[in-house]
Amino acid sequence: MRNIDNRIKLIDKDLADLILVMKFVIQETGAEHDENIRAKRLMKRFLSYMKLSKRDSSISTLIREDIDRIRLDSLM
């Protein structure tokens, strides 16, 4: 029987987008809300993964670029 690898391989941009979505959920829901708790738990796992895989600096750069782009778009 074959061992099937069910892991998802995410590029840095996808990880940056997921972090921003989780950050939004955490900020926009109450601390006791189920989705807030789930997002915090996932955020902790993603941040740990990023550090272990040594991708945290490139992902942080992508997040900063996204936030800066949002600010520029709001000025136009």
PDB file of N, CA and C in Angstrom:
ATOM      1  N   MET A   1       0.833  -1.170   0.000  1.00  0.00           N
ATOM      2  CA  MET A   1       0.000   0.000   0.000  1.00  0.00           C
ATOM      3  C   MET A   1       0.890   1.249   0.000  1.00  0.00           C
ATOM      4  N   ARG A   2       0.552   2.204  -0.833  1.00  0.00           N
ATOM      5  CA  ARG A   2       1.345   3.427  -0.944  1.00  0.00           C
ATOM      6  C   ARG A   2       1.003   4.411   0.155  1.00  0.00           C
ATOM      7  N   ASN A   3       2.021   5.129   0.595  1.00  0.00           N
ATOM      8  CA  ASN A   3       1.827   6.189   1.573  1.00  0.00           C
ATOM      9  C   ASN A   3       1.572   7.485   0.801  1.00  0.00           C
ATOM     10  N   ILE A   4       0.402   8.050   0.972  1.00  0.00           N
ATOM     11  CA  ILE A   4       0.018   9.258   0.241  1.00  0.00           C
ATOM     12  C   ILE A   4       0.365  10.482   1.072  1.00  0.00           C
ATOM     13  N   ASP A   5       1.090  11.418   0.457  1.00  0.00           N
ATOM     14  CA  ASP A   5       1.478  12.653   1.132  1.00  0.00           C
ATOM     15  C   ASP A   5       0.368  13.681   0.921  1.00  0.00           C
ATOM     16  N   ASN A   6      -0.351  14.018   1.985  1.00  0.00           N
ATOM     17  CA  ASN A   6      -1.473  14.947   1.894  1.00  0.00           C
ATOM     18  C   ASN A   6      -1.104  16.374   2.254  1.00  0.00           C
ATOM     19  N   ARG A   7       0.184  16.657   2.425  1.00  0.00           N
ATOM     20  CA  ARG A   7       0.593  18.001   2.798  1.00  0.00           C
ATOM     21  C   ARG A   7       0.402  18.962   1.636  1.00  0.00           C
ATOM     22  N   ILE A   8       0.098  20.196   1.987  1.00  0.00           N
ATOM     23  CA  ILE A   8      -0.054  21.247   0.992  1.00  0.00           C
ATOM     24  C   ILE A   8       1.243  22.037   0.958  1.00  0.00           C
ATOM     25  N   LYS A   9       1.746  22.282  -0.212  1.00  0.00           N
ATOM     26  CA  LYS A   9       2.960  23.064  -0.351  1.00  0.00           C
ATOM     27  C   LYS A   9       2.560  24.488  -0.735  1.00  0.00           C
ATOM     28  N   LEU A  10       2.920  25.431   0.114  1.00  0.00           N
ATOM     29  CA  LEU A  10       2.528  26.813  -0.091  1.00  0.00           C
ATOM     30  C   LEU A  10       3.746  27.667  -0.414  1.00  0.00           C
ATOM     31  N   ILE A  11       3.584  28.547  -1.377  1.00  0.00           N
ATOM     32  CA  ILE A  11       4.655  29.495  -1.672  1.00  0.00           C
ATOM     33  C   ILE A  11       4.585  30.627  -0.646  1.00  0.00           C
ATOM     34  N   ASP A  12       5.646  31.407  -0.569  1.00  0.00           N
ATOM     35  CA  ASP A  12       5.723  32.476   0.428  1.00  0.00           C
ATOM     36  C   ASP A  12       4.559  33.452   0.311  1.00  0.00           C
ATOM     37  N   LYS A  13       4.140  33.770  -0.900  1.00  0.00           N
ATOM     38  CA  LYS A  13       3.033  34.712  -1.104  1.00  0.00           C
ATOM     39  C   LYS A  13       1.743  34.158  -0.500  1.00  0.00           C
ATOM     40  N   ASP A  14       1.497  32.871  -0.670  1.00  0.00           N
ATOM     41  CA  ASP A  14       0.299  32.256  -0.086  1.00  0.00           C
ATOM     42  C   ASP A  14       0.346  32.316   1.441  1.00  0.00           C
ATOM     43  N   LEU A  15       1.512  32.045   2.008  1.00  0.00           N
ATOM     44  CA  LEU A  15       1.653  32.120   3.462  1.00  0.00           C
ATOM     45  C   LEU A  15       1.428  33.541   3.959  1.00  0.00           C
ATOM     46  N   ALA A  16       1.955  34.524   3.238  1.00  0.00           N
ATOM     47  CA  ALA A  16       1.755  35.923   3.620  1.00  0.00           C
ATOM     48  C   ALA A  16       0.275  36.274   3.583  1.00  0.00           C
ATOM     49  N   ASP A  17      -0.426  35.833   2.543  1.00  0.00           N
ATOM     50  CA  ASP A  17      -1.863  36.099   2.439  1.00  0.00           C
ATOM     51  C   ASP A  17      -2.634  35.447   3.585  1.00  0.00           C
ATOM     52  N   LEU A  18      -2.276  34.219   3.927  1.00  0.00           N
ATOM     53  CA  LEU A  18      -2.947  33.533   5.031  1.00  0.00           C
ATOM     54  C   LEU A  18      -2.721  34.248   6.351  1.00  0.00           C
ATOM     55  N   ILE A  19      -1.517  34.723   6.588  1.00  0.00           N
ATOM     56  CA  ILE A  19      -1.223  35.463   7.815  1.00  0.00           C
ATOM     57  C   ILE A  19      -2.077  36.720   7.889  1.00  0.00           C
ATOM     58  N   LEU A  20      -2.210  37.446   6.765  1.00  0.00           N
ATOM     59  CA  LEU A  20      -3.021  38.668   6.753  1.00  0.00           C
ATOM     60  C   LEU A  20      -4.498  38.364   6.990  1.00  0.00           C
ATOM     61  N   VAL A  21      -4.995  37.269   6.437  1.00  0.00           N
ATOM     62  CA  VAL A  21      -6.394  36.887   6.657  1.00  0.00           C
ATOM     63  C   VAL A  21      -6.615  36.536   8.128  1.00  0.00           C
ATOM     64  N   MET A  22      -5.695  35.771   8.706  1.00  0.00           N
ATOM     65  CA  MET A  22      -5.835  35.415  10.120  1.00  0.00           C
ATOM     66  C   MET A  22      -5.751  36.659  11.005  1.00  0.00           C
ATOM     67  N   LYS A  23      -4.875  37.585  10.653  1.00  0.00           N
ATOM     68  CA  LYS A  23      -4.760  38.830  11.416  1.00  0.00           C
ATOM     69  C   LYS A  23      -6.076  39.604  11.364  1.00  0.00           C
ATOM     70  N   PHE A  24      -6.699  39.655  10.193  1.00  0.00           N
ATOM     71  CA  PHE A  24      -7.984  40.345  10.037  1.00  0.00           C
ATOM     72  C   PHE A  24      -9.050  39.687  10.911  1.00  0.00           C
ATOM     73  N   VAL A  25      -9.123  38.368  10.878  1.00  0.00           N
ATOM     74  CA  VAL A  25     -10.122  37.642  11.677  1.00  0.00           C
ATOM     75  C   VAL A  25      -9.916  37.920  13.163  1.00  0.00           C
ATOM     76  N   ILE A  26      -8.654  37.894  13.604  1.00  0.00           N
ATOM     77  CA  ILE A  26      -8.353  38.139  15.012  1.00  0.00           C
ATOM     78  C   ILE A  26      -8.769  39.548  15.422  1.00  0.00           C
ATOM     79  N   GLN A  27      -8.498  40.528  14.564  1.00  0.00           N
ATOM     80  CA  GLN A  27      -8.812  41.916  14.896  1.00  0.00           C
ATOM     81  C   GLN A  27     -10.306  42.217  14.826  1.00  0.00           C
ATOM     82  N   GLU A  28     -11.028  41.532  13.965  1.00  0.00           N
ATOM     83  CA  GLU A  28     -12.427  41.879  13.712  1.00  0.00           C
ATOM     84  C   GLU A  28     -13.438  41.018  14.454  1.00  0.00           C
ATOM     85  N   THR A  29     -12.981  40.030  15.205  1.00  0.00           N
ATOM     86  CA  THR A  29     -13.903  39.216  15.990  1.00  0.00           C
ATOM     87  C   THR A  29     -13.536  39.330  17.461  1.00  0.00           C
ATOM     88  N   GLY A  30     -14.494  39.077  18.308  1.00  0.00           N
ATOM     89  CA  GLY A  30     -14.255  39.135  19.750  1.00  0.00           C
ATOM     90  C   GLY A  30     -13.331  38.018  20.205  1.00  0.00           C
ATOM     91  N   ALA A  31     -12.658  38.250  21.317  1.00  0.00           N
ATOM     92  CA  ALA A  31     -11.671  37.292  21.815  1.00  0.00           C
ATOM     93  C   ALA A  31     -12.283  35.934  22.127  1.00  0.00           C
ATOM     94  N   GLU A  32     -13.565  35.892  22.443  1.00  0.00           N
ATOM     95  CA  GLU A  32     -14.221  34.624  22.791  1.00  0.00           C
ATOM     96  C   GLU A  32     -14.881  33.953  21.590  1.00  0.00           C
ATOM     97  N   HIS A  33     -14.855  34.613  20.442  1.00  0.00           N
ATOM     98  CA  HIS A  33     -15.481  34.070  19.234  1.00  0.00           C
ATOM     99  C   HIS A  33     -14.700  32.841  18.759  1.00  0.00           C
ATOM    100  N   ASP A  34     -15.417  31.814  18.303  1.00  0.00           N
ATOM    101  CA  ASP A  34     -14.781  30.574  17.857  1.00  0.00           C
ATOM    102  C   ASP A  34     -13.747  30.812  16.766  1.00  0.00           C
ATOM    103  N   GLU A  35     -14.075  31.680  15.794  1.00  0.00           N
ATOM    104  CA  GLU A  35     -13.152  31.933  14.681  1.00  0.00           C
ATOM    105  C   GLU A  35     -11.916  32.691  15.145  1.00  0.00           C
ATOM    106  N   ASN A  36     -12.061  33.542  16.149  1.00  0.00           N
ATOM    107  CA  ASN A  36     -10.918  34.257  16.717  1.00  0.00           C
ATOM    108  C   ASN A  36      -9.961  33.263  17.362  1.00  0.00           C
ATOM    109  N   ILE A  37     -10.510  32.364  18.135  1.00  0.00           N
ATOM    110  CA  ILE A  37      -9.694  31.345  18.807  1.00  0.00           C
ATOM    111  C   ILE A  37      -9.007  30.453  17.784  1.00  0.00           C
ATOM    112  N   ARG A  38      -9.730  30.052  16.756  1.00  0.00           N
ATOM    113  CA  ARG A  38      -9.162  29.213  15.697  1.00  0.00           C
ATOM    114  C   ARG A  38      -8.052  29.947  14.956  1.00  0.00           C
ATOM    115  N   ALA A  39      -8.280  31.226  14.644  1.00  0.00           N
ATOM    116  CA  ALA A  39      -7.271  32.010  13.924  1.00  0.00           C
ATOM    117  C   ALA A  39      -6.007  32.182  14.762  1.00  0.00           C
ATOM    118  N   LYS A  40      -6.162  32.418  16.062  1.00  0.00           N
ATOM    119  CA  LYS A  40      -4.987  32.551  16.936  1.00  0.00           C
ATOM    120  C   LYS A  40      -4.187  31.256  16.982  1.00  0.00           C
ATOM    121  N   ARG A  41      -4.890  30.141  17.067  1.00  0.00           N
ATOM    122  CA  ARG A  41      -4.222  28.841  17.110  1.00  0.00           C
ATOM    123  C   ARG A  41      -3.469  28.583  15.797  1.00  0.00           C
ATOM    124  N   LEU A  42      -4.135  28.866  14.681  1.00  0.00           N
ATOM    125  CA  LEU A  42      -3.490  28.682  13.382  1.00  0.00           C
ATOM    126  C   LEU A  42      -2.317  29.639  13.201  1.00  0.00           C
ATOM    127  N   MET A  43      -2.478  30.877  13.657  1.00  0.00           N
ATOM    128  CA  MET A  43      -1.406  31.863  13.532  1.00  0.00           C
ATOM    129  C   MET A  43      -0.163  31.370  14.257  1.00  0.00           C
ATOM    130  N   LYS A  44      -0.348  30.824  15.442  1.00  0.00           N
ATOM    131  CA  LYS A  44       0.784  30.312  16.212  1.00  0.00           C
ATOM    132  C   LYS A  44       1.489  29.191  15.444  1.00  0.00           C
ATOM    133  N   ARG A  45       0.715  28.302  14.844  1.00  0.00           N
ATOM    134  CA  ARG A  45       1.295  27.194  14.080  1.00  0.00           C
ATOM    135  C   ARG A  45       2.021  27.688  12.840  1.00  0.00           C
ATOM    136  N   PHE A  46       1.420  28.650  12.126  1.00  0.00           N
ATOM    137  CA  PHE A  46       2.050  29.177  10.924  1.00  0.00           C
ATOM    138  C   PHE A  46       3.336  29.920  11.250  1.00  0.00           C
ATOM    139  N   LEU A  47       3.336  30.733  12.304  1.00  0.00           N
ATOM    140  CA  LEU A  47       4.534  31.468  12.684  1.00  0.00           C
ATOM    141  C   LEU A  47       5.654  30.513  13.088  1.00  0.00           C
ATOM    142  N   SER A  48       5.309  29.460  13.811  1.00  0.00           N
ATOM    143  CA  SER A  48       6.297  28.457  14.191  1.00  0.00           C
ATOM    144  C   SER A  48       6.877  27.781  12.952  1.00  0.00           C
ATOM    145  N   TYR A  49       6.005  27.432  12.019  1.00  0.00           N
ATOM    146  CA  TYR A  49       6.453  26.796  10.774  1.00  0.00           C
ATOM    147  C   TYR A  49       7.374  27.720   9.987  1.00  0.00           C
ATOM    148  N   MET A  50       7.003  28.995   9.906  1.00  0.00           N
ATOM    149  CA  MET A  50       7.813  29.949   9.150  1.00  0.00           C
ATOM    150  C   MET A  50       9.213  30.064   9.738  1.00  0.00           C
ATOM    151  N   LYS A  51       9.310  30.109  11.062  1.00  0.00           N
ATOM    152  CA  LYS A  51      10.621  30.214  11.708  1.00  0.00           C
ATOM    153  C   LYS A  51      11.448  28.950  11.499  1.00  0.00           C
ATOM    154  N   LEU A  52      10.815  27.797  11.636  1.00  0.00           N
ATOM    155  CA  LEU A  52      11.535  26.539  11.447  1.00  0.00           C
ATOM    156  C   LEU A  52      12.029  26.370  10.014  1.00  0.00           C
ATOM    157  N   SER A  53      11.261  26.845   9.065  1.00  0.00           N
ATOM    158  CA  SER A  53      11.639  26.695   7.661  1.00  0.00           C
ATOM    159  C   SER A  53      12.510  27.858   7.179  1.00  0.00           C
ATOM    160  N   LYS A  54      12.799  28.794   8.076  1.00  0.00           N
ATOM    161  CA  LYS A  54      13.647  29.959   7.773  1.00  0.00           C
ATOM    162  C   LYS A  54      13.074  30.797   6.625  1.00  0.00           C
ATOM    163  N   ARG A  55      11.757  30.885   6.569  1.00  0.00           N
ATOM    164  CA  ARG A  55      11.079  31.678   5.546  1.00  0.00           C
ATOM    165  C   ARG A  55      10.470  32.938   6.144  1.00  0.00           C
ATOM    166  N   ASP A  56      10.660  33.165   7.439  1.00  0.00           N
ATOM    167  CA  ASP A  56       9.981  34.263   8.114  1.00  0.00           C
ATOM    168  C   ASP A  56      10.380  35.633   7.586  1.00  0.00           C
ATOM    169  N   SER A  57      11.639  35.834   7.228  1.00  0.00           N
ATOM    170  CA  SER A  57      12.039  37.169   6.756  1.00  0.00           C
ATOM    171  C   SER A  57      11.452  37.478   5.382  1.00  0.00           C
ATOM    172  N   SER A  58      11.424  36.506   4.475  1.00  0.00           N
ATOM    173  CA  SER A  58      10.858  36.763   3.146  1.00  0.00           C
ATOM    174  C   SER A  58       9.344  36.951   3.225  1.00  0.00           C
ATOM    175  N   ILE A  59       8.682  36.203   4.107  1.00  0.00           N
ATOM    176  CA  ILE A  59       7.240  36.349   4.262  1.00  0.00           C
ATOM    177  C   ILE A  59       6.907  37.677   4.927  1.00  0.00           C
ATOM    178  N   SER A  60       7.709  38.092   5.898  1.00  0.00           N
ATOM    179  CA  SER A  60       7.500  39.397   6.541  1.00  0.00           C
ATOM    180  C   SER A  60       7.636  40.526   5.531  1.00  0.00           C
ATOM    181  N   THR A  61       8.590  40.400   4.630  1.00  0.00           N
ATOM    182  CA  THR A  61       8.765  41.403   3.574  1.00  0.00           C
ATOM    183  C   THR A  61       7.530  41.472   2.680  1.00  0.00           C
ATOM    184  N   LEU A  62       6.991  40.318   2.307  1.00  0.00           N
ATOM    185  CA  LEU A  62       5.791  40.286   1.469  1.00  0.00           C
ATOM    186  C   LEU A  62       4.598  40.917   2.189  1.00  0.00           C
ATOM    187  N   ILE A  63       4.470  40.660   3.474  1.00  0.00           N
ATOM    188  CA  ILE A  63       3.364  41.237   4.251  1.00  0.00           C
ATOM    189  C   ILE A  63       3.502  42.754   4.294  1.00  0.00           C
ATOM    190  N   ARG A  64       4.715  43.245   4.545  1.00  0.00           N
ATOM    191  CA  ARG A  64       4.938  44.703   4.561  1.00  0.00           C
ATOM    192  C   ARG A  64       4.604  45.329   3.210  1.00  0.00           C
ATOM    193  N   GLU A  65       5.003  44.662   2.119  1.00  0.00           N
ATOM    194  CA  GLU A  65       4.698  45.166   0.778  1.00  0.00           C
ATOM    195  C   GLU A  65       3.189  45.231   0.550  1.00  0.00           C
ATOM    196  N   ASP A  66       2.459  44.197   0.989  1.00  0.00           N
ATOM    197  CA  ASP A  66       0.999  44.198   0.848  1.00  0.00           C
ATOM    198  C   ASP A  66       0.375  45.342   1.627  1.00  0.00           C
ATOM    199  N   ILE A  67       0.821  45.552   2.844  1.00  0.00           N
ATOM    200  CA  ILE A  67       0.269  46.626   3.680  1.00  0.00           C
ATOM    201  C   ILE A  67       0.584  47.985   3.065  1.00  0.00           C
ATOM    202  N   ASP A  68       1.810  48.161   2.559  1.00  0.00           N
ATOM    203  CA  ASP A  68       2.175  49.417   1.900  1.00  0.00           C
ATOM    204  C   ASP A  68       1.348  49.643   0.641  1.00  0.00           C
ATOM    205  N   ARG A  69       1.084  48.575  -0.100  1.00  0.00           N
ATOM    206  CA  ARG A  69       0.284  48.676  -1.328  1.00  0.00           C
ATOM    207  C   ARG A  69      -1.146  49.105  -0.986  1.00  0.00           C
ATOM    208  N   ILE A  70      -1.678  48.560   0.110  1.00  0.00           N
ATOM    209  CA  ILE A  70      -3.029  48.933   0.547  1.00  0.00           C
ATOM    210  C   ILE A  70      -3.072  50.414   0.878  1.00  0.00           C
ATOM    211  N   ARG A  71      -2.052  50.904   1.578  1.00  0.00           N
ATOM    212  CA  ARG A  71      -1.998  52.319   1.933  1.00  0.00           C
ATOM    213  C   ARG A  71      -1.925  53.197   0.698  1.00  0.00           C
ATOM    214  N   LEU A  72      -1.130  52.791  -0.295  1.00  0.00           N
ATOM    215  CA  LEU A  72      -1.024  53.561  -1.533  1.00  0.00           C
ATOM    216  C   LEU A  72      -2.347  53.585  -2.282  1.00  0.00           C
ATOM    217  N   ASP A  73      -3.021  52.427  -2.336  1.00  0.00           N
ATOM    218  CA  ASP A  73      -4.307  52.364  -3.031  1.00  0.00           C
ATOM    219  C   ASP A  73      -5.344  53.271  -2.394  1.00  0.00           C
ATOM    220  N   SER A  74      -5.305  53.406  -1.084  1.00  0.00           N
ATOM    221  CA  SER A  74      -6.292  54.253  -0.407  1.00  0.00           C
ATOM    222  C   SER A  74      -6.021  55.739  -0.672  1.00  0.00           C
ATOM    223  N   LEU A  75      -4.808  56.072  -1.065  1.00  0.00           N
ATOM    224  CA  LEU A  75      -4.482  57.471  -1.364  1.00  0.00           C
ATOM    225  C   LEU A  75      -4.930  57.878  -2.766  1.00  0.00           C
ATOM    226  N   MET A  76      -5.120  56.915  -3.647  1.00  0.00           N
ATOM    227  CA  MET A  76      -5.461  57.233  -5.044  1.00  0.00           C
ATOM    228  C   MET A  76      -6.921  57.445  -5.246  1.00  0.00           C
TER     229      MET A  76
END
